[in-house]
Amino acid sequence: MTTETKIKPPAWFWIVSVLALLWNLAGAMAYIGQAYMSDEVRAAMTEAERNLYETQPAWVTAAFAIAVWGGTIACIFLLLRKKWAKPLFIISLLGLLGQMSYNFFMSDTFEVYGPNAMIMPIMILVIAIALIVFSNKAIAKKWIS
């Protein structure tokens, strides 16, 4: 039988973990908004935006769901101080990469929204990678086990 000792994490661990959860909850709300978009919202879109939305393959929506829900659950595991956070952050990143590969290389996203539409996805990618590094550090420091 093995016992693992958890070391009390510093206050900034909790701050980062709560902010990460809020960030991922915002992503989850964006997913819900897109997945259950009303006819009124669709009608307010330009024709190009509506076409982009309506022609998006189901696997991209699934990748989006995996990214946001995986990240949200990973943050909950972080707050519970469980090392399951790291593999869930990795799964979330894989979902994000799937979604981004479609948006960057297989769709007209940037023709419709312009080059500034790259900023948010890149920021999301950087944060997703940072959360993996953060969870890895938390495991190494024995803040989570």
C-alpha atoms as a PDB file:
ATOM      1  CA  MET A   1       0.000   0.000   0.000  1.00  0.00           C
ATOM      2  CA  THR A   2       1.379   3.382  -0.974  1.00  0.00           C
ATOM      3  CA  THR A   3       0.542   6.660   0.576  1.00  0.00           C
ATOM      4  CA  GLU A   4       1.088   9.958  -1.102  1.00  0.00           C
ATOM      5  CA  THR A   5       1.524  13.066   0.918  1.00  0.00           C
ATOM      6  CA  LYS A   6      -0.105  16.185  -0.392  1.00  0.00           C
ATOM      7  CA  ILE A   7       1.671  19.428   0.278  1.00  0.00           C
ATOM      8  CA  LYS A   8      -0.475  22.456   0.920  1.00  0.00           C
ATOM      9  CA  PRO A   9      -0.440  24.572  -2.245  1.00  0.00           C
ATOM     10  CA  PRO A  10       0.285  28.295  -2.103  1.00  0.00           C
ATOM     11  CA  ALA A  11      -2.544  30.823  -2.346  1.00  0.00           C
ATOM     12  CA  TRP A  12      -1.685  31.585  -5.984  1.00  0.00           C
ATOM     13  CA  PHE A  13      -2.467  27.934  -6.868  1.00  0.00           C
ATOM     14  CA  TRP A  14      -6.066  28.511  -5.768  1.00  0.00           C
ATOM     15  CA  ILE A  15      -6.280  31.842  -7.579  1.00  0.00           C
ATOM     16  CA  VAL A  16      -4.995  30.347 -10.841  1.00  0.00           C
ATOM     17  CA  SER A  17      -7.272  27.303 -10.460  1.00  0.00           C
ATOM     18  CA  VAL A  18     -10.393  29.413  -9.879  1.00  0.00           C
ATOM     19  CA  LEU A  19      -9.527  31.749 -12.773  1.00  0.00           C
ATOM     20  CA  ALA A  20      -8.924  28.701 -14.987  1.00  0.00           C
ATOM     21  CA  LEU A  21     -12.338  27.321 -14.015  1.00  0.00           C
ATOM     22  CA  LEU A  22     -14.018  30.645 -14.810  1.00  0.00           C
ATOM     23  CA  TRP A  23     -12.169  30.765 -18.160  1.00  0.00           C
ATOM     24  CA  ASN A  24     -13.309  27.250 -19.057  1.00  0.00           C
ATOM     25  CA  LEU A  25     -16.870  27.963 -17.916  1.00  0.00           C
ATOM     26  CA  ALA A  26     -16.882  30.926 -20.307  1.00  0.00           C
ATOM     27  CA  GLY A  27     -15.840  28.500 -23.051  1.00  0.00           C
ATOM     28  CA  ALA A  28     -18.606  26.111 -22.020  1.00  0.00           C
ATOM     29  CA  MET A  29     -21.131  28.939 -22.242  1.00  0.00           C
ATOM     30  CA  ALA A  30     -19.808  29.802 -25.726  1.00  0.00           C
ATOM     31  CA  TYR A  31     -20.294  26.159 -26.708  1.00  0.00           C
ATOM     32  CA  ILE A  32     -23.868  26.130 -25.381  1.00  0.00           C
ATOM     33  CA  GLY A  33     -24.568  29.402 -27.185  1.00  0.00           C
ATOM     34  CA  GLN A  34     -23.323  27.953 -30.455  1.00  0.00           C
ATOM     35  CA  ALA A  35     -24.856  24.495 -30.069  1.00  0.00           C
ATOM     36  CA  TYR A  36     -28.281  25.859 -29.165  1.00  0.00           C
ATOM     37  CA  MET A  37     -28.277  29.013 -31.258  1.00  0.00           C
ATOM     38  CA  SER A  38     -31.755  30.428 -31.772  1.00  0.00           C
ATOM     39  CA  ASP A  39     -33.258  31.175 -35.150  1.00  0.00           C
ATOM     40  CA  GLU A  40     -33.285  34.874 -34.241  1.00  0.00           C
ATOM     41  CA  VAL A  41     -29.536  34.903 -33.645  1.00  0.00           C
ATOM     42  CA  ARG A  42     -28.930  33.010 -36.898  1.00  0.00           C
ATOM     43  CA  ALA A  43     -31.146  35.468 -38.764  1.00  0.00           C
ATOM     44  CA  ALA A  44     -29.017  38.348 -37.460  1.00  0.00           C
ATOM     45  CA  MET A  45     -25.856  36.820 -38.962  1.00  0.00           C
ATOM     46  CA  THR A  46     -24.529  37.806 -42.336  1.00  0.00           C
ATOM     47  CA  GLU A  47     -25.055  35.237 -45.071  1.00  0.00           C
ATOM     48  CA  ALA A  48     -21.350  34.290 -44.960  1.00  0.00           C
ATOM     49  CA  GLU A  49     -21.432  33.815 -41.162  1.00  0.00           C
ATOM     50  CA  ARG A  50     -24.609  31.732 -41.351  1.00  0.00           C
ATOM     51  CA  ASN A  51     -23.113  29.582 -44.130  1.00  0.00           C
ATOM     52  CA  LEU A  52     -19.977  29.046 -42.071  1.00  0.00           C
ATOM     53  CA  TYR A  53     -22.074  28.010 -39.063  1.00  0.00           C
ATOM     54  CA  GLU A  54     -24.448  25.762 -41.010  1.00  0.00           C
ATOM     55  CA  THR A  55     -21.732  23.924 -42.956  1.00  0.00           C
ATOM     56  CA  GLN A  56     -19.558  23.155 -39.940  1.00  0.00           C
ATOM     57  CA  PRO A  57     -19.158  19.367 -39.639  1.00  0.00           C
ATOM     58  CA  ALA A  58     -20.467  17.585 -36.545  1.00  0.00           C
ATOM     59  CA  TRP A  59     -16.954  16.453 -35.632  1.00  0.00           C
ATOM     60  CA  VAL A  60     -15.906  20.084 -35.186  1.00  0.00           C
ATOM     61  CA  THR A  61     -18.781  20.677 -32.778  1.00  0.00           C
ATOM     62  CA  ALA A  62     -17.769  17.468 -30.961  1.00  0.00           C
ATOM     63  CA  ALA A  63     -14.159  18.676 -30.764  1.00  0.00           C
ATOM     64  CA  PHE A  64     -15.397  22.002 -29.357  1.00  0.00           C
ATOM     65  CA  ALA A  65     -17.430  20.120 -26.731  1.00  0.00           C
ATOM     66  CA  ILE A  66     -14.455  17.933 -25.776  1.00  0.00           C
ATOM     67  CA  ALA A  67     -12.253  21.016 -25.480  1.00  0.00           C
ATOM     68  CA  VAL A  68     -14.536  23.047 -23.229  1.00  0.00           C
ATOM     69  CA  TRP A  69     -16.045  20.293 -21.085  1.00  0.00           C
ATOM     70  CA  GLY A  70     -12.698  18.516 -20.720  1.00  0.00           C
ATOM     71  CA  GLY A  71     -11.094  21.761 -19.583  1.00  0.00           C
ATOM     72  CA  THR A  72     -13.940  22.548 -17.199  1.00  0.00           C
ATOM     73  CA  ILE A  73     -13.808  19.113 -15.576  1.00  0.00           C
ATOM     74  CA  ALA A  74     -10.006  19.331 -15.421  1.00  0.00           C
ATOM     75  CA  CYS A  75     -10.294  22.604 -13.497  1.00  0.00           C
ATOM     76  CA  ILE A  76     -12.698  20.993 -11.044  1.00  0.00           C
ATOM     77  CA  PHE A  77     -10.161  18.197 -10.515  1.00  0.00           C
ATOM     78  CA  LEU A  78      -7.481  20.840  -9.950  1.00  0.00           C
ATOM     79  CA  LEU A  79      -9.611  22.432  -7.266  1.00  0.00           C
ATOM     80  CA  LEU A  80     -10.184  18.983  -5.743  1.00  0.00           C
ATOM     81  CA  ARG A  81      -6.399  18.504  -5.866  1.00  0.00           C
ATOM     82  CA  LYS A  82      -6.585  15.428  -8.081  1.00  0.00           C
ATOM     83  CA  LYS A  83      -3.933  14.635 -10.682  1.00  0.00           C
ATOM     84  CA  TRP A  84      -6.648  13.550 -13.136  1.00  0.00           C
ATOM     85  CA  ALA A  85      -6.591  17.236 -14.054  1.00  0.00           C
ATOM     86  CA  LYS A  86      -3.520  16.789 -16.272  1.00  0.00           C
ATOM     87  CA  PRO A  87      -4.851  14.043 -18.599  1.00  0.00           C
ATOM     88  CA  LEU A  88      -8.151  15.918 -18.865  1.00  0.00           C
ATOM     89  CA  PHE A  89      -6.302  19.105 -19.817  1.00  0.00           C
ATOM     90  CA  ILE A  90      -4.475  17.075 -22.485  1.00  0.00           C
ATOM     91  CA  ILE A  91      -7.774  15.689 -23.806  1.00  0.00           C
ATOM     92  CA  SER A  92      -9.145  19.231 -23.816  1.00  0.00           C
ATOM     93  CA  LEU A  93      -6.111  20.404 -25.810  1.00  0.00           C
ATOM     94  CA  LEU A  94      -6.632  17.619 -28.347  1.00  0.00           C
ATOM     95  CA  GLY A  95     -10.249  18.738 -28.801  1.00  0.00           C
ATOM     96  CA  LEU A  96      -9.070  22.308 -29.220  1.00  0.00           C
ATOM     97  CA  LEU A  97      -6.486  21.281 -31.823  1.00  0.00           C
ATOM     98  CA  GLY A  98      -9.162  19.404 -33.751  1.00  0.00           C
ATOM     99  CA  GLN A  99     -11.478  22.394 -33.715  1.00  0.00           C
ATOM    100  CA  MET A 100      -8.693  24.811 -34.605  1.00  0.00           C
ATOM    101  CA  SER A 101      -7.416  22.642 -37.451  1.00  0.00           C
ATOM    102  CA  TYR A 102     -10.818  22.936 -39.085  1.00  0.00           C
ATOM    103  CA  ASN A 103     -11.133  26.678 -38.444  1.00  0.00           C
ATOM    104  CA  PHE A 104      -7.589  27.475 -39.589  1.00  0.00           C
ATOM    105  CA  PHE A 105      -7.167  25.095 -42.514  1.00  0.00           C
ATOM    106  CA  MET A 106     -10.490  23.670 -43.717  1.00  0.00           C
ATOM    107  CA  SER A 107     -12.978  26.509 -43.555  1.00  0.00           C
ATOM    108  CA  ASP A 108     -13.380  30.118 -44.659  1.00  0.00           C
ATOM    109  CA  THR A 109     -13.334  31.401 -41.077  1.00  0.00           C
ATOM    110  CA  PHE A 110     -10.689  34.054 -41.662  1.00  0.00           C
ATOM    111  CA  GLU A 111     -12.150  35.168 -44.970  1.00  0.00           C
ATOM    112  CA  VAL A 112     -15.472  35.729 -43.189  1.00  0.00           C
ATOM    113  CA  TYR A 113     -14.219  37.241 -39.930  1.00  0.00           C
ATOM    114  CA  GLY A 114     -10.857  38.647 -41.025  1.00  0.00           C
ATOM    115  CA  PRO A 115      -7.339  38.028 -39.736  1.00  0.00           C
ATOM    116  CA  ASN A 116      -8.163  39.424 -36.284  1.00  0.00           C
ATOM    117  CA  ALA A 117     -10.227  36.269 -35.727  1.00  0.00           C
ATOM    118  CA  MET A 118      -6.913  34.441 -35.161  1.00  0.00           C
ATOM    119  CA  ILE A 119      -6.174  36.279 -31.922  1.00  0.00           C
ATOM    120  CA  MET A 120      -8.678  34.521 -29.641  1.00  0.00           C
ATOM    121  CA  PRO A 121      -7.944  30.959 -30.843  1.00  0.00           C
ATOM    122  CA  ILE A 122      -4.211  31.521 -30.378  1.00  0.00           C
ATOM    123  CA  MET A 123      -4.820  32.945 -26.898  1.00  0.00           C
ATOM    124  CA  ILE A 124      -6.990  29.911 -26.051  1.00  0.00           C
ATOM    125  CA  LEU A 125      -4.242  27.575 -27.288  1.00  0.00           C
ATOM    126  CA  VAL A 126      -1.590  29.323 -25.173  1.00  0.00           C
ATOM    127  CA  ILE A 127      -3.797  29.107 -22.066  1.00  0.00           C
ATOM    128  CA  ALA A 128      -4.592  25.427 -22.736  1.00  0.00           C
ATOM    129  CA  ILE A 129      -0.878  24.619 -22.913  1.00  0.00           C
ATOM    130  CA  ALA A 130      -0.182  26.727 -19.821  1.00  0.00           C
ATOM    131  CA  LEU A 131      -2.821  24.781 -17.866  1.00  0.00           C
ATOM    132  CA  ILE A 132      -1.102  21.502 -18.766  1.00  0.00           C
ATOM    133  CA  VAL A 133       2.224  22.938 -17.591  1.00  0.00           C
ATOM    134  CA  PHE A 134       0.523  24.265 -14.436  1.00  0.00           C
ATOM    135  CA  SER A 135      -1.050  20.891 -13.613  1.00  0.00           C
ATOM    136  CA  ASN A 136       2.267  19.158 -14.274  1.00  0.00           C
ATOM    137  CA  LYS A 137       3.982  21.543 -11.854  1.00  0.00           C
ATOM    138  CA  ALA A 138       1.242  20.946  -9.276  1.00  0.00           C
ATOM    139  CA  ILE A 139       1.829  17.197  -9.551  1.00  0.00           C
ATOM    140  CA  ALA A 140       5.616  17.617  -9.268  1.00  0.00           C
ATOM    141  CA  LYS A 141       5.224  19.862  -6.209  1.00  0.00           C
ATOM    142  CA  LYS A 142       2.733  17.331  -4.730  1.00  0.00           C
ATOM    143  CA  TRP A 143      -0.002  19.964  -4.510  1.00  0.00           C
ATOM    144  CA  ILE A 144      -2.269  17.484  -6.278  1.00  0.00           C
ATOM    145  CA  SER A 145      -2.126  13.697  -6.281  1.00  0.00           C
END
